[in-house]
Amino acid sequence: MSNIRLRLISEEDKCSCKGYNLDKLIQPQILIVLAKQDLHGYSIIQELENNGFVLGEKVDKTGVYRALKTLEDKGMVHFEWVLDEPGPAKKKYMITEKGVECLNNWVQTLENYKELLEKIIMSAKNVLGEGV
C-alpha cells in the first residue's frame, strides 16, 4: 500500500466525525479528576482511563500533558514539585479556585451542547430516514 493511501486512511480515522478531534474535552475531564484529589500527571491519566473518560482504548498521554500546561497557563491548575518520594521529582497538580469556576462553566456549556447535539442527531436521523 502506498504511503499516500496509508496517510489518507489514517487521516480518515482522525476525522472529527469519528470523535477524534475533541481534544478540548480533556480539559473538563482533568478538572473533574483534580477536583477530587491532587495527583501526578501519570495518575491523572490512569484516573481518566479508569473512569471511562476515554473515547477509544487509551488516553492521549501527550494531549493530557499539553492540556495540563494550558490549564496551568490559564491559572486553573498549579503544581508543586514532590521531592520526598522515591525516584525523580514529580509534579503534583492541584485545581485552583479559578479552575473550579471553569469547571462550573464547563457544566453549563456541556449542558447547552447536549441539547444542541440531541437536535442535530434527531435532524440527521430524520434526513437519513431513520426516524426517531
Protein backbone atom coordinates (compact mmCIF):
# COMPACT_ATOMS: atom_id res chain seq x y z
CA MET A 1 0.00 0.00 0.00
CA SER A 2 1.38 3.41 -0.89
CA ASN A 3 2.34 5.98 1.72
CA ILE A 4 -0.28 8.36 0.31
CA ARG A 5 -3.03 5.77 0.76
CA LEU A 6 -1.85 4.95 4.29
CA ARG A 7 -1.81 8.65 5.13
CA LEU A 8 -5.35 9.06 3.75
CA ILE A 9 -6.61 6.13 5.79
CA SER A 10 -5.07 7.45 8.97
CA GLU A 11 -6.44 10.95 8.24
CA GLU A 12 -9.92 9.45 7.76
CA ASP A 13 -9.59 7.67 11.10
CA LYS A 14 -8.76 11.03 12.68
CA CYS A 15 -11.90 12.70 11.33
CA SER A 16 -13.86 14.64 13.93
CA CYS A 17 -16.97 12.78 12.70
CA LYS A 18 -15.47 9.77 14.46
CA GLY A 19 -14.85 11.72 17.66
CA TYR A 20 -11.13 12.16 17.07
CA ASN A 21 -10.77 15.92 17.20
CA LEU A 22 -12.48 16.58 20.51
CA ASP A 23 -9.28 17.39 22.38
CA LYS A 24 -10.76 20.34 24.27
CA LEU A 25 -12.99 17.92 26.18
CA ILE A 26 -9.92 16.64 28.01
CA GLN A 27 -9.78 19.91 29.96
CA PRO A 28 -13.01 19.45 31.95
CA GLN A 29 -12.12 15.80 32.47
CA ILE A 30 -8.79 16.79 34.03
CA LEU A 31 -10.52 19.40 36.18
CA ILE A 32 -13.00 16.77 37.40
CA VAL A 33 -10.18 14.43 38.38
CA LEU A 34 -8.24 17.18 40.15
CA ALA A 35 -11.36 18.44 41.95
CA LYS A 36 -11.42 15.04 43.68
CA GLN A 37 -7.72 14.91 44.59
CA ASP A 38 -4.28 16.30 43.82
CA LEU A 39 -2.37 13.96 41.50
CA HIS A 40 0.76 13.46 39.42
CA GLY A 41 0.37 13.53 35.64
CA TYR A 42 0.61 9.76 35.25
CA SER A 43 -2.03 9.25 37.96
CA ILE A 44 -4.32 11.72 36.16
CA ILE A 45 -4.02 9.61 33.01
CA GLN A 46 -4.83 6.44 34.97
CA GLU A 47 -7.89 8.09 36.53
CA LEU A 48 -9.13 9.23 33.12
CA GLU A 49 -8.80 5.69 31.78
CA ASN A 50 -10.36 4.09 34.88
CA ASN A 51 -13.32 6.49 34.93
CA GLY A 52 -14.30 5.80 31.33
CA PHE A 53 -13.43 9.32 30.16
CA VAL A 54 -11.82 7.87 27.04
CA LEU A 55 -13.34 7.61 23.59
CA GLY A 56 -11.29 4.65 22.44
CA GLU A 57 -8.86 2.42 24.25
CA LYS A 58 -6.23 4.78 25.61
CA VAL A 59 -5.87 8.36 26.74
CA ASP A 60 -3.63 10.53 24.56
CA LYS A 61 -0.87 10.99 27.14
CA THR A 62 0.78 13.83 25.24
CA GLY A 63 -2.60 15.54 24.96
CA VAL A 64 -3.11 15.30 28.73
CA TYR A 65 0.24 16.95 29.46
CA ARG A 66 -0.45 19.59 26.81
CA ALA A 67 -3.85 20.27 28.42
CA LEU A 68 -2.26 20.46 31.88
CA LYS A 69 0.17 23.09 30.57
CA THR A 70 -2.71 25.06 29.02
CA LEU A 71 -4.72 24.86 32.25
CA GLU A 72 -1.65 25.92 34.22
CA ASP A 73 -1.04 28.89 31.90
CA LYS A 74 -4.67 29.95 32.43
CA GLY A 75 -4.34 29.69 36.21
CA MET A 76 -6.81 26.81 36.53
CA VAL A 77 -4.31 24.33 37.90
CA HIS A 78 -0.95 24.67 39.56
CA PHE A 79 1.64 22.17 40.63
CA GLU A 80 4.15 21.59 43.36
CA TRP A 81 7.31 19.56 42.99
CA VAL A 82 7.26 16.40 45.11
CA LEU A 83 10.80 15.59 46.16
CA ASP A 84 10.25 13.23 49.08
CA GLU A 85 9.05 10.22 47.07
CA PRO A 86 11.32 7.56 45.57
CA GLY A 87 12.55 8.24 42.05
CA PRO A 88 12.83 11.52 40.21
CA ALA A 89 10.98 14.65 41.32
CA LYS A 90 7.36 14.73 40.15
CA LYS A 91 4.82 17.47 39.62
CA LYS A 92 1.70 17.12 41.75
CA TYR A 93 -1.17 19.02 40.13
CA MET A 94 -3.94 20.80 42.03
CA ILE A 95 -7.07 22.59 40.86
CA THR A 96 -7.29 26.29 41.72
CA GLU A 97 -10.34 28.37 42.61
CA LYS A 98 -10.31 29.64 39.04
CA GLY A 99 -10.27 26.01 37.89
CA VAL A 100 -13.36 25.22 39.98
CA GLU A 101 -15.12 28.23 38.42
CA CYS A 102 -14.09 26.97 34.98
CA LEU A 103 -15.45 23.50 35.77
CA ASN A 104 -18.78 25.08 36.73
CA ASN A 105 -18.77 26.91 33.39
CA TRP A 106 -17.98 23.65 31.59
CA VAL A 107 -21.04 22.03 33.18
CA GLN A 108 -23.33 24.72 31.76
CA THR A 109 -21.57 24.72 28.39
CA LEU A 110 -21.80 20.94 28.10
CA GLU A 111 -25.49 21.01 29.08
CA ASN A 112 -26.08 23.52 26.26
CA TYR A 113 -24.11 21.37 23.82
CA LYS A 114 -26.04 18.29 24.93
CA GLU A 115 -29.30 19.97 23.93
CA LEU A 116 -27.82 21.08 20.61
CA LEU A 117 -26.38 17.62 19.94
CA GLU A 118 -29.76 15.99 20.58
CA LYS A 119 -31.32 18.31 17.98
CA ILE A 120 -28.54 17.58 15.47
CA ILE A 121 -28.89 13.81 15.97
CA MET A 122 -32.66 13.96 15.57
CA SER A 123 -32.37 16.07 12.40
CA ALA A 124 -29.71 13.78 10.94
CA LYS A 125 -31.83 10.68 11.63
CA ASN A 126 -34.84 12.33 10.01
CA VAL A 127 -32.83 13.28 6.92
CA LEU A 128 -31.39 9.76 6.70
CA GLY A 129 -34.86 8.26 7.01
CA GLU A 130 -34.21 6.57 10.32
CA GLY A 131 -36.94 8.48 12.14
CA VAL A 132 -37.00 8.64 15.88
